[in-house]
Amino acid sequence: MDDLIIFDNDRHRLDACKGAVREYLRGLALELHEKKSNIYPTRSGVVFLGYKVYPTHRLVIRQNIRRVRSRMKKYAKLLAEGLIASDKIIRSMQSWLGHAFRADSYNLRRRLLAEFNFEAYLPTVGG
């Protein structure tokens, strides 16, 4: 594990946690990446592992959505030309949908599936 996020409303406690993590890692001959180890106000959201994390919810970052749209356009073209098997598309979409599922993304997932008309290629849930 090399990614860590800690939430608290008290900046002083967060500073203390950062120091404790730094000391613990030092005992393992590891160190924090100082430019990437920051304290942010949670109300503005924090980008972490492909999500924008807020105190009340989590969203998929826009860059991730653009990337999957681009990939799906490429897959749709290759599928129409018979140059890619639908099982490759299914695996790719299921992987991305698994990631997106961890965010508040129900409508986003439905829109993307409808946009590329991949529902026909994806197995139905529960039957």
Protein backbone atom coordinates (compact mmCIF):
# COMPACT_ATOMS: atom_id res chain seq x y z
CA MET A 1 0.00 0.00 0.00
CA ASP A 2 1.36 3.37 -0.88
CA ASP A 3 -1.74 5.59 -0.92
CA LEU A 4 -3.29 6.87 2.28
CA ILE A 5 -5.96 9.40 3.11
CA ILE A 6 -6.91 10.60 6.59
CA PHE A 7 -9.93 12.78 7.34
CA ASP A 8 -10.45 14.99 10.36
CA ASN A 9 -11.99 18.36 11.07
CA ASP A 10 -9.02 19.49 13.19
CA ARG A 11 -5.95 20.60 11.26
CA HIS A 12 -3.72 20.22 14.34
CA ARG A 13 -4.74 16.58 14.70
CA LEU A 14 -4.02 16.06 11.01
CA ASP A 15 -0.57 17.59 11.44
CA ALA A 16 0.01 15.23 14.38
CA CYS A 17 -1.15 12.24 12.29
CA LYS A 18 1.16 13.25 9.47
CA GLY A 19 4.06 13.39 11.92
CA ALA A 20 3.14 9.99 13.38
CA VAL A 21 2.93 8.45 9.89
CA ARG A 22 6.28 10.03 8.99
CA GLU A 23 7.90 8.54 12.13
CA TYR A 24 6.35 5.12 11.55
CA LEU A 25 7.59 5.06 7.96
CA ARG A 26 11.04 6.19 9.05
CA GLY A 27 11.19 3.05 11.22
CA LEU A 28 10.57 1.03 8.04
CA ALA A 29 13.28 2.93 6.16
CA LEU A 30 10.56 4.68 4.09
CA GLU A 31 9.57 8.30 3.81
CA LEU A 32 6.60 10.46 2.84
CA HIS A 33 6.73 12.21 -0.50
CA GLU A 34 6.64 15.77 0.81
CA LYS A 35 5.17 17.30 -2.35
CA LYS A 36 2.32 14.77 -2.33
CA SER A 37 1.68 14.74 1.43
CA ASN A 38 -0.70 17.64 1.88
CA ILE A 39 -3.54 18.73 4.09
CA TYR A 40 -6.61 20.05 2.27
CA PRO A 41 -9.98 21.31 3.44
CA THR A 42 -12.43 18.51 2.66
CA ARG A 43 -15.24 20.87 1.67
CA SER A 44 -13.43 21.55 -1.62
CA GLY A 45 -12.95 17.84 -2.31
CA VAL A 46 -9.76 15.83 -2.54
CA VAL A 47 -8.65 13.89 -5.63
CA PHE A 48 -7.70 10.38 -4.51
CA LEU A 49 -7.39 7.14 -6.50
CA GLY A 50 -9.44 8.40 -9.47
CA TYR A 51 -12.19 9.94 -7.35
CA LYS A 52 -12.96 13.42 -6.07
CA VAL A 53 -13.76 12.73 -2.42
CA TYR A 54 -16.06 15.10 -0.52
CA PRO A 55 -17.29 14.78 3.06
CA THR A 56 -20.67 13.52 1.87
CA HIS A 57 -19.99 11.77 -1.42
CA ARG A 58 -17.44 10.60 -3.98
CA LEU A 59 -17.36 11.32 -7.72
CA VAL A 60 -15.36 9.84 -10.60
CA ILE A 61 -12.87 12.47 -11.79
CA ARG A 62 -13.57 14.08 -15.16
CA GLN A 63 -10.27 12.95 -16.66
CA ASN A 64 -11.25 9.34 -15.94
CA ILE A 65 -14.63 9.84 -17.64
CA ARG A 66 -12.99 11.41 -20.72
CA ARG A 67 -10.55 8.51 -20.90
CA VAL A 68 -13.26 5.84 -20.75
CA ARG A 69 -15.36 7.68 -23.36
CA SER A 70 -12.38 7.80 -25.70
CA ARG A 71 -11.65 4.12 -25.12
CA MET A 72 -15.29 3.15 -25.73
CA LYS A 73 -15.39 5.15 -28.99
CA LYS A 74 -12.30 3.27 -30.13
CA TYR A 75 -13.83 -0.06 -29.08
CA ALA A 76 -17.14 0.72 -30.83
CA LYS A 77 -15.26 1.44 -34.08
CA LEU A 78 -13.13 -1.70 -33.78
CA LEU A 79 -16.20 -3.80 -32.94
CA ALA A 80 -18.08 -2.49 -36.00
CA GLU A 81 -15.05 -3.37 -38.15
CA GLY A 82 -14.83 -6.83 -36.60
CA LEU A 83 -11.33 -6.16 -35.27
CA ILE A 84 -12.09 -6.74 -31.58
CA ALA A 85 -14.04 -9.40 -29.74
CA SER A 86 -16.94 -8.29 -27.58
CA ASP A 87 -15.49 -10.18 -24.58
CA LYS A 88 -12.53 -7.74 -24.54
CA ILE A 89 -14.98 -4.84 -24.42
CA ILE A 90 -16.99 -6.58 -21.70
CA ARG A 91 -13.89 -7.09 -19.54
CA SER A 92 -12.79 -3.50 -20.01
CA MET A 93 -16.23 -2.07 -19.26
CA GLN A 94 -16.76 -4.32 -16.24
CA SER A 95 -13.42 -3.19 -14.85
CA TRP A 96 -14.28 0.48 -15.27
CA LEU A 97 -17.83 0.00 -14.00
CA GLY A 98 -16.40 -1.70 -10.90
CA HIS A 99 -14.27 1.39 -10.28
CA ALA A 100 -17.15 3.79 -10.98
CA PHE A 101 -19.49 1.77 -8.76
CA ARG A 102 -17.50 2.93 -5.70
CA ALA A 103 -18.53 6.51 -6.48
CA ASP A 104 -21.90 8.20 -6.68
CA SER A 105 -22.16 7.38 -10.36
CA TYR A 106 -25.41 5.53 -11.05
CA ASN A 107 -26.60 8.01 -13.70
CA LEU A 108 -23.11 8.35 -15.18
CA ARG A 109 -22.83 4.57 -15.63
CA ARG A 110 -26.28 4.35 -17.21
CA ARG A 111 -25.53 7.26 -19.57
CA LEU A 112 -22.23 5.76 -20.72
CA LEU A 113 -23.71 2.33 -21.34
CA ALA A 114 -26.59 3.87 -23.29
CA GLU A 115 -24.31 6.26 -25.18
CA PHE A 116 -22.28 3.42 -26.64
CA ASN A 117 -25.14 0.90 -26.78
CA PHE A 118 -23.05 -1.74 -25.02
CA GLU A 119 -25.99 -3.06 -22.98
CA ALA A 120 -26.49 -5.71 -25.67
CA TYR A 121 -22.95 -7.03 -25.13
CA LEU A 122 -22.94 -6.97 -21.34
CA PRO A 123 -24.52 -9.84 -19.43
CA THR A 124 -27.57 -8.95 -17.38
CA VAL A 125 -27.29 -9.02 -13.61
CA GLY A 126 -29.26 -11.82 -12.00
CA GLY A 127 -30.14 -13.76 -15.11
